[in-house]
Every structure is written in structure tokens, then in C-alpha cells.
């Protein structure tokens, strides 16, 4: 069982002991002090390690800018140190209730076989606290500035550009998905062919879209050799603006983008985990019931015109969040010629006076 991802798997011979373990964890957790102390040490050590990773720093600052004050809930060494086992028990009793949960199962098993096993262990699990899950408002768009973290001596800079643009329930979602695939979602996309293949400034530049309770997030990112940081940022912004101006999306690009997703789609379902994950997303994010079965037909219905509309009506580089992590002594002056700079530390906190 991987509790961090809410997944528990077993071969058919061990279904019953696996369900026993799942029931114990869900219904009778003990929160032993010694285990929490060990977990605190592991989590705080993990933060210390990650704070040396420019990609992690860029993501942390990116989220801090997007979410503003709400980002204070992000884990930190201080927050881990402040949590007690009593806090964990309170959270469990308040939040881990059946009215806020869904159980998904898949594999070489039938409902007739599985349901009695589940009823035996979870049939008496009743909600003690009700209420709908709270709505999460989408973060605001970014200011026309560059959010910068200084990493003295860094051999490369990490650039991240993006924001929350549209939810997966938006009619333009699939058009935007293919437009992104053409701009930065695959090796042959514009961003990578420009920054890696033509310029040689990076090992890879990509963009992607994902979704969570706040909506759909778009982000483009690359690790750039330090000396070309400002130039690479300008090229990235130009590529993001291109479909709405100098470089309209072509029929060939959209056809290639569609093929890159559709041809690999069946392989994703070789394991039941992926299908269950998709069904969980339908429940968690309020997606249409036919999200899985209609996925490919909706991609096939996208035209270059509809993809361009989805992209051009939403991607405005002047409103996207820009984060750069790099050697300030080398890149700060050239970046400041593009946009004003706002300095942050590795945790996303602003640095006064800079």
C-alpha cells in the first residue's frame, strides 16, 4: 500500500489481509508518537535536500506567487515541527469520513466477490461530521514582473512561466490540450526545437497542463545555460505568443499533436491503476461521467481553428507568472531589462528591499 497516493494493491490470494490492513489504517489509526517523530525528521530532511534543487525552488516560488496567502499552508520545516499526534487525530476524525470519500477497485475480480468483503470491513463506517467539500477559488493571474531567486554560482537557470487558465470542464479544454502539445508538450514542439535544437541552450524545454481543485494549470519550463537566461526567457515568451501572432498553428502541427496522444492512449490502461485514477479524477474534480470514453473522440473533433481559439483567447504572456532561479550576479541585469524583478528566497517569501 502507498498511503501517500491512496493506492493499495494486492494479488488475489492476499485480498483479505490487504483489506484488513486498509480497514485498520482508515478506521483504527493509532498515530504512535515514535513513528511521527521519525516521519518529522524524514520530511524536514527532505525539505533541506530539496531546497538545493533549482527545479524544486522554481516550483515552490511559482506556487507561492499563484496562491498568495493561501500558500502558507504549504509544508515547511516549521509546520512539520508544529504538528503533534493530537493534531493528526483531530484531522482524521474531522476529515476522514465516508461522506468525503470514494472507494475504487479494479482487477480480475467481480462485484459479487468483492462487495461482501468490503461490507464486512467498512459497512459500519458512518459519517460523524457532514458537509460538502469546500470550494477552491482559482489563483489570480501574475503581475508583469519576474520573480527571481538568486543561486550564486549556478551553471544554469531554471525558467518557469504559466498560470491557471481554464478548467478541464471547459469546452475548449481539448483544443487547448492539442495547442499546448504543439507549442511545448512534446520533443518536436516549438519550444524544444527552438531552445534545444536550434539554440543549444538547454537539454529540454517543455510545457504542460494539469488540473486540480483550483482548475487547470499551464506551465512552461526549462533549465537554461546561465549566459543565455534572458534570451531564453524572451524566446519562451515569443513562442507562447506565436500562435496568436507571427506563427499560427498549422494543420500538420495539430495532426501530429493529436497522434502523439491518441496512439499512446490504449497503453495507459494496461494497468488498472490508470483507469482507477481517471475515475477518481471524475469524482474529485467534477469531470463529466464520460471523461474516459469520450476523451479520444473529443481530441479527434479538434480542428486547427478550434485549437487556435482555445490557445489565443487564454495565453497572454504579459499576464502569466514568470519565475527564474539562477545566478543573480550574471543574469539579474539582463532580466531587469525585460521586466521588473521581485526577489524571493527559496521558500517563496519576498526579500525586503530587493
Protein backbone atom coordinates (compact mmCIF):
# COMPACT_ATOMS: atom_id res chain seq x y z
CA UNK A 1 0.00 0.00 0.00
CA UNK A 2 1.17 3.51 -0.85
CA UNK A 3 -0.70 5.78 1.53
CA UNK A 4 0.78 8.94 0.02
CA UNK A 5 -1.14 8.24 -3.21
CA UNK A 6 -4.13 6.46 -1.60
CA UNK A 7 -3.40 3.27 -3.56
CA UNK A 8 -3.43 -0.23 -2.12
CA UNK A 9 -2.82 -3.23 -4.38
CA UNK A 10 -2.67 -6.97 -3.84
CA UNK A 11 -2.67 -10.26 -5.68
CA UNK A 12 -5.93 -12.21 -5.41
CA UNK A 13 -4.52 -14.58 -2.78
CA UNK A 14 -3.97 -11.71 -0.35
CA UNK A 15 -7.09 -9.60 -0.88
CA UNK A 16 -8.47 -10.30 2.60
CA UNK A 17 -5.34 -9.44 4.63
CA UNK A 18 -4.82 -6.37 2.42
CA UNK A 19 -8.36 -5.17 3.12
CA UNK A 20 -7.80 -5.86 6.83
CA UNK A 21 -4.75 -3.61 6.74
CA UNK A 22 -6.66 -0.92 4.84
CA UNK A 23 -9.51 -1.04 7.35
CA UNK A 24 -7.12 -0.77 10.28
CA UNK A 25 -5.40 2.27 8.83
CA UNK A 26 -8.65 4.02 7.90
CA UNK A 27 -10.81 3.16 10.92
CA UNK A 28 -8.43 2.49 13.81
CA UNK A 29 -5.27 4.58 13.38
CA UNK A 30 -3.13 4.85 16.49
CA UNK A 31 -0.73 7.67 15.49
CA UNK A 32 2.23 6.36 17.53
CA UNK A 33 4.48 9.14 18.75
CA UNK A 34 7.69 7.35 17.75
CA UNK A 35 6.57 6.94 14.13
CA UNK A 36 5.50 10.58 13.86
CA UNK A 37 8.87 11.71 15.27
CA UNK A 38 10.64 9.64 12.62
CA UNK A 39 8.37 11.00 9.88
CA UNK A 40 9.02 14.57 11.03
CA UNK A 41 12.76 14.00 10.72
CA UNK A 42 12.36 12.47 7.28
CA UNK A 43 10.13 15.27 5.99
CA UNK A 44 12.30 18.09 7.32
CA UNK A 45 15.44 16.41 5.92
CA UNK A 46 13.63 16.11 2.59
CA UNK A 47 12.93 19.85 2.60
CA UNK A 48 16.60 20.58 3.35
CA UNK A 49 17.58 18.39 0.40
CA UNK A 50 15.04 19.88 -1.99
CA UNK A 51 15.98 23.47 -1.11
CA UNK A 52 19.21 22.79 -3.01
CA UNK A 53 17.30 21.78 -6.15
CA UNK A 54 16.64 24.74 -8.50
CA UNK A 55 13.68 22.96 -10.14
CA UNK A 56 12.02 22.42 -6.78
CA UNK A 57 12.71 26.03 -5.79
CA UNK A 58 11.18 27.29 -9.04
CA UNK A 59 8.06 25.21 -8.44
CA UNK A 60 7.75 26.37 -4.83
CA UNK A 61 8.10 30.03 -5.74
CA UNK A 62 5.72 29.57 -8.68
CA UNK A 63 3.05 28.17 -6.36
CA UNK A 64 3.70 30.82 -3.73
CA UNK A 65 3.10 33.57 -6.30
CA UNK A 66 -0.01 31.89 -7.73
CA UNK A 67 -1.69 31.17 -4.40
CA UNK A 68 -0.52 34.14 -2.37
CA UNK A 69 -1.56 33.92 1.29
CA UNK A 70 -3.14 30.52 0.75
CA UNK A 71 0.32 29.10 0.07
CA UNK A 72 1.15 29.46 3.76
CA UNK A 73 -0.41 26.01 4.11
CA UNK A 74 2.45 24.51 2.07
CA UNK A 75 4.68 22.23 4.17
CA UNK A 76 7.76 23.74 5.76
CA UNK A 77 10.22 22.70 8.43
CA UNK A 78 8.36 24.94 10.87
CA UNK A 79 4.96 23.49 10.03
CA UNK A 80 6.19 19.92 10.40
CA UNK A 81 7.73 20.76 13.76
CA UNK A 82 4.47 22.30 14.97
CA UNK A 83 2.25 19.30 14.15
CA UNK A 84 1.51 16.89 17.00
CA UNK A 85 -0.10 13.45 17.02
CA UNK A 86 -3.12 15.11 18.64
CA UNK A 87 -3.40 17.34 15.57
CA UNK A 88 -3.30 14.24 13.38
CA UNK A 89 -6.10 12.59 15.38
CA UNK A 90 -8.23 15.72 15.12
CA UNK A 91 -7.72 15.92 11.37
CA UNK A 92 -8.56 12.23 10.98
CA UNK A 93 -11.80 12.43 12.96
CA UNK A 94 -12.92 15.58 11.15
CA UNK A 95 -11.92 14.82 7.57
CA UNK A 96 -11.56 11.08 7.06
CA UNK A 97 -15.27 10.28 6.92
CA UNK A 98 -17.16 8.20 4.34
CA UNK A 99 -19.25 11.13 3.13
CA UNK A 100 -15.99 12.68 1.89
CA UNK A 101 -14.51 9.51 0.40
CA UNK A 102 -14.90 7.13 -2.51
CA UNK A 103 -13.57 3.60 -2.78
CA UNK A 104 -12.44 2.46 -6.22
CA UNK A 105 -11.47 -1.10 -7.07
CA UNK A 106 -10.33 -2.87 -10.21
CA UNK A 107 -8.67 -6.03 -11.41
CA UNK A 108 -9.54 -9.66 -12.03
CA UNK A 109 -12.38 -9.58 -9.53
CA UNK A 110 -16.18 -9.30 -9.67
CA UNK A 111 -18.55 -7.12 -7.66
CA UNK A 112 -20.28 -10.24 -6.38
CA UNK A 113 -16.97 -11.36 -4.88
CA UNK A 114 -15.65 -8.00 -3.71
CA UNK A 115 -18.69 -6.22 -2.23
CA UNK A 116 -19.23 -8.69 0.65
CA UNK A 117 -15.57 -8.34 1.59
CA UNK A 118 -15.89 -4.56 1.62
CA UNK A 119 -19.18 -4.62 3.55
CA UNK A 120 -17.60 -6.82 6.20
CA UNK A 121 -14.89 -4.26 6.89
CA UNK A 122 -16.46 -0.91 6.03
CA UNK A 123 -20.21 -1.49 6.26
CA UNK A 124 -20.41 0.03 9.73
CA UNK A 125 -18.32 3.09 8.84
CA UNK A 126 -20.63 6.03 9.34
CA UNK A 127 -20.11 9.74 8.96
CA UNK A 128 -19.94 11.70 12.20
CA UNK A 129 -19.44 15.04 10.50
CA UNK A 130 -21.09 16.09 7.29
CA UNK A 131 -20.82 18.93 4.84
CA UNK A 132 -19.64 19.35 1.30
CA UNK A 133 -16.02 19.73 0.43
CA UNK A 134 -15.06 23.42 0.37
CA UNK A 135 -14.76 25.12 -3.00
CA UNK A 136 -11.30 26.31 -4.01
CA UNK A 137 -11.07 29.57 -5.90
CA UNK A 138 -8.59 29.76 -8.75
CA UNK A 139 -5.44 31.80 -8.03
CA UNK A 140 -5.15 35.24 -9.56
CA UNK A 141 -3.02 35.94 -12.61
CA UNK A 142 0.51 37.14 -12.17
CA UNK A 143 1.92 40.64 -12.18
CA UNK A 144 4.05 41.71 -15.18
CA UNK A 145 7.28 41.08 -13.23
CA UNK A 146 9.98 38.42 -12.95
CA UNK A 147 10.03 36.55 -9.65
CA UNK A 148 13.69 35.79 -9.05
CA UNK A 149 15.64 33.54 -6.68
CA UNK A 150 19.41 34.06 -6.53
CA UNK A 151 21.59 30.94 -6.73
CA UNK A 152 25.19 32.22 -6.73
CA UNK A 153 27.46 30.22 -8.99
CA UNK A 154 24.67 28.24 -10.66
CA UNK A 155 25.72 26.79 -14.02
CA UNK A 156 22.20 27.05 -15.34
CA UNK A 157 19.00 28.94 -14.66
CA UNK A 158 15.56 27.43 -14.29
CA UNK A 159 12.75 29.31 -16.03
CA UNK A 160 9.07 28.67 -15.34
CA UNK A 161 6.18 30.55 -16.98
CA UNK A 162 2.48 29.83 -16.51
CA UNK A 163 -0.71 30.18 -14.57
CA UNK A 164 -4.27 28.89 -14.14
CA UNK A 165 -6.06 29.34 -17.46
CA UNK A 166 -9.10 27.04 -17.82
CA UNK A 167 -10.69 24.08 -16.02
CA UNK A 168 -10.91 20.63 -17.63
CA UNK A 169 -14.69 21.03 -17.83
CA UNK A 170 -14.26 23.99 -20.20
CA UNK A 171 -15.47 23.23 -23.77
CA UNK A 172 -12.08 24.44 -25.06
CA UNK A 173 -10.05 22.06 -22.87
CA UNK A 174 -9.24 19.56 -25.61
CA UNK A 175 -8.39 22.28 -28.11
CA UNK A 176 -6.04 23.82 -25.56
CA UNK A 177 -4.53 20.41 -24.86
CA UNK A 178 -3.56 19.93 -28.51
CA UNK A 179 -2.38 23.52 -28.89
CA UNK A 180 -0.10 23.04 -25.90
CA UNK A 181 1.18 19.78 -27.35
CA UNK A 182 2.22 21.68 -30.49
CA UNK A 183 3.78 24.58 -28.60
CA UNK A 184 5.65 22.72 -25.87
CA UNK A 185 4.14 19.39 -24.95
CA UNK A 186 6.45 17.04 -26.85
CA UNK A 187 10.04 16.77 -28.07
CA UNK A 188 9.19 18.11 -31.55
CA UNK A 189 7.18 21.03 -30.17
CA UNK A 190 8.17 24.61 -30.86
CA UNK A 191 9.76 25.37 -27.50
CA UNK A 192 12.13 22.41 -27.55
CA UNK A 193 13.02 22.75 -31.22
CA UNK A 194 13.90 26.39 -30.64
CA UNK A 195 15.72 26.37 -27.29
CA UNK A 196 17.38 22.95 -27.56
CA UNK A 197 17.72 22.03 -31.22
CA UNK A 198 18.24 25.47 -32.78
CA UNK A 199 19.91 27.39 -29.95
CA UNK A 200 21.56 24.65 -27.89
CA UNK A 201 20.77 26.46 -24.64
CA UNK A 202 19.03 23.58 -22.83
CA UNK A 203 18.74 19.81 -22.63
CA UNK A 204 14.98 20.20 -22.93
CA UNK A 205 12.15 22.74 -22.82
CA UNK A 206 8.58 21.65 -22.22
CA UNK A 207 5.13 22.94 -21.40
CA UNK A 208 2.23 21.04 -19.89
CA UNK A 209 -1.26 21.36 -18.49
CA UNK A 210 -2.73 19.69 -15.42
CA UNK A 211 -5.72 20.24 -13.18
CA UNK A 212 -6.60 20.24 -9.51
CA UNK A 213 -9.33 21.69 -7.30
CA UNK A 214 -8.37 25.20 -8.38
CA UNK A 215 -8.79 24.47 -12.10
CA UNK A 216 -6.42 23.86 -14.99
CA UNK A 217 -2.80 24.91 -14.73
CA UNK A 218 -0.43 25.65 -17.61
CA UNK A 219 3.34 25.86 -17.17
CA UNK A 220 6.34 26.03 -19.50
CA UNK A 221 9.78 25.33 -18.07
CA UNK A 222 13.41 24.76 -18.99
CA UNK A 223 16.88 24.64 -17.49
CA UNK A 224 18.97 27.17 -19.43
CA UNK A 225 22.72 27.68 -19.55
CA UNK A 226 23.30 30.74 -17.37
CA UNK A 227 24.77 33.05 -20.01
CA UNK A 228 21.60 32.82 -22.16
CA UNK A 229 18.96 33.09 -19.44
CA UNK A 230 17.42 36.40 -20.54
CA UNK A 231 17.49 35.47 -24.21
CA UNK A 232 15.83 32.14 -23.47
CA UNK A 233 13.08 33.85 -21.48
CA UNK A 234 12.41 36.21 -24.36
CA UNK A 235 12.29 33.28 -26.79
CA UNK A 236 9.90 31.41 -24.48
CA UNK A 237 7.52 34.36 -24.27
CA UNK A 238 7.69 34.78 -28.04
CA UNK A 239 6.85 31.11 -28.61
CA UNK A 240 3.87 31.34 -26.24
CA UNK A 241 2.60 34.40 -28.09
CA UNK A 242 3.37 32.97 -31.53
CA UNK A 243 0.10 31.09 -32.23
CA UNK A 244 -1.82 34.34 -31.78
CA UNK A 245 0.51 36.39 -33.96
CA UNK A 246 3.55 35.64 -36.05
CA UNK A 247 3.24 31.83 -36.12
CA UNK A 248 -0.33 30.48 -36.35
CA UNK A 249 -0.79 26.81 -35.54
CA UNK A 250 -0.68 24.62 -38.65
CA UNK A 251 -2.76 21.62 -39.72
CA UNK A 252 0.35 19.44 -39.56
CA UNK A 253 1.20 20.53 -36.01
CA UNK A 254 -2.30 19.75 -34.70
CA UNK A 255 -2.39 16.41 -36.52
CA UNK A 256 0.98 15.47 -35.02
CA UNK A 257 -0.10 16.64 -31.57
CA UNK A 258 -3.26 14.55 -31.75
CA UNK A 259 -1.39 11.44 -32.90
CA UNK A 260 1.14 11.75 -30.09
CA UNK A 261 -1.68 11.45 -27.53
CA UNK A 262 -4.19 9.18 -29.24
CA UNK A 263 -1.73 6.50 -30.36
CA UNK A 264 -0.45 6.04 -26.82
CA UNK A 265 -3.85 6.26 -25.13
CA UNK A 266 -4.70 2.50 -25.08
CA UNK A 267 -1.35 1.62 -23.47
CA UNK A 268 -2.21 3.68 -20.41
CA UNK A 269 -4.92 1.20 -19.49
CA UNK A 270 -2.67 -1.86 -19.38
CA UNK A 271 -2.71 -1.44 -15.60
CA UNK A 272 -5.97 -0.93 -13.65
CA UNK A 273 -4.25 1.83 -11.68
CA UNK A 274 -4.57 4.32 -14.53
CA UNK A 275 -8.26 3.64 -15.14
CA UNK A 276 -8.99 3.91 -11.42
CA UNK A 277 -7.02 7.16 -11.32
CA UNK A 278 -9.17 8.55 -14.11
CA UNK A 279 -12.34 7.56 -12.31
CA UNK A 280 -11.04 9.16 -9.13
CA UNK A 281 -10.43 12.38 -11.06
CA UNK A 282 -14.03 12.30 -12.34
CA UNK A 283 -15.25 12.13 -8.74
CA UNK A 284 -12.73 14.52 -7.21
CA UNK A 285 -12.84 17.30 -9.81
CA UNK A 286 -16.43 17.01 -11.03
CA UNK A 287 -15.49 15.89 -14.54
CA UNK A 288 -18.12 14.56 -16.98
CA UNK A 289 -19.12 10.93 -16.47
CA UNK A 290 -17.86 10.12 -19.98
CA UNK A 291 -14.43 11.66 -19.35
CA UNK A 292 -12.60 8.42 -20.23
CA UNK A 293 -14.80 7.09 -23.04
CA UNK A 294 -15.18 10.47 -24.78
CA UNK A 295 -11.53 11.50 -24.42
CA UNK A 296 -10.30 10.32 -27.81
CA UNK A 297 -13.43 11.40 -29.76
CA UNK A 298 -13.11 14.90 -28.30
CA UNK A 299 -9.47 15.06 -29.33
CA UNK A 300 -10.40 13.90 -32.81
CA UNK A 301 -13.01 16.67 -33.05
CA UNK A 302 -10.42 19.42 -32.50
CA UNK A 303 -9.53 21.45 -35.59
CA UNK A 304 -6.58 23.81 -36.04
CA UNK A 305 -9.08 26.68 -35.78
CA UNK A 306 -10.59 25.47 -32.50
CA UNK A 307 -7.13 24.77 -31.06
CA UNK A 308 -6.00 28.27 -32.03
CA UNK A 309 -9.13 29.78 -30.46
CA UNK A 310 -8.57 27.89 -27.21
CA UNK A 311 -4.93 28.99 -27.01
CA UNK A 312 -5.14 32.57 -28.29
CA UNK A 313 -8.09 33.52 -26.12
CA UNK A 314 -6.24 32.50 -22.96
CA UNK A 315 -2.47 32.69 -23.30
CA UNK A 316 -1.32 36.25 -22.73
CA UNK A 317 2.38 36.20 -21.76
CA UNK A 318 2.06 39.59 -20.10
CA UNK A 319 -0.34 38.07 -17.52
CA UNK A 320 1.49 34.81 -16.83
CA UNK A 321 3.63 34.23 -13.74
CA UNK A 322 7.36 34.21 -14.52
CA UNK A 323 9.88 32.62 -12.15
CA UNK A 324 13.64 32.46 -12.71
CA UNK A 325 16.13 30.72 -10.42
CA UNK A 326 19.75 31.50 -11.28
CA UNK A 327 23.00 33.32 -10.58
CA UNK A 328 21.98 36.90 -9.89
CA UNK A 329 25.46 38.30 -10.47
CA UNK A 330 25.28 37.07 -14.06
CA UNK A 331 21.60 37.28 -15.06
CA UNK A 332 19.90 39.90 -12.89
CA UNK A 333 20.82 42.93 -15.00
CA UNK A 334 19.75 41.38 -18.32
CA UNK A 335 16.50 40.08 -16.84
CA UNK A 336 15.68 43.53 -15.44
CA UNK A 337 15.68 44.87 -19.00
CA UNK A 338 12.77 42.56 -19.80
CA UNK A 339 10.59 43.17 -16.73
CA UNK A 340 10.97 44.45 -13.16
CA UNK A 341 12.41 41.91 -10.75
CA UNK A 342 10.87 40.81 -7.46
CA UNK A 343 13.33 38.88 -5.26
CA UNK A 344 12.33 35.77 -3.28
CA UNK A 345 14.05 33.27 -1.04
CA UNK A 346 13.95 29.53 -1.74
CA UNK A 347 10.62 29.18 0.08
CA UNK A 348 8.84 31.82 -1.98
CA UNK A 349 8.98 34.60 0.59
CA UNK A 350 9.71 38.06 -0.74
CA UNK A 351 13.01 39.64 0.23
CA UNK A 352 12.52 43.15 1.53
CA UNK A 353 14.40 45.92 -0.24
CA UNK A 354 15.06 43.93 -3.41
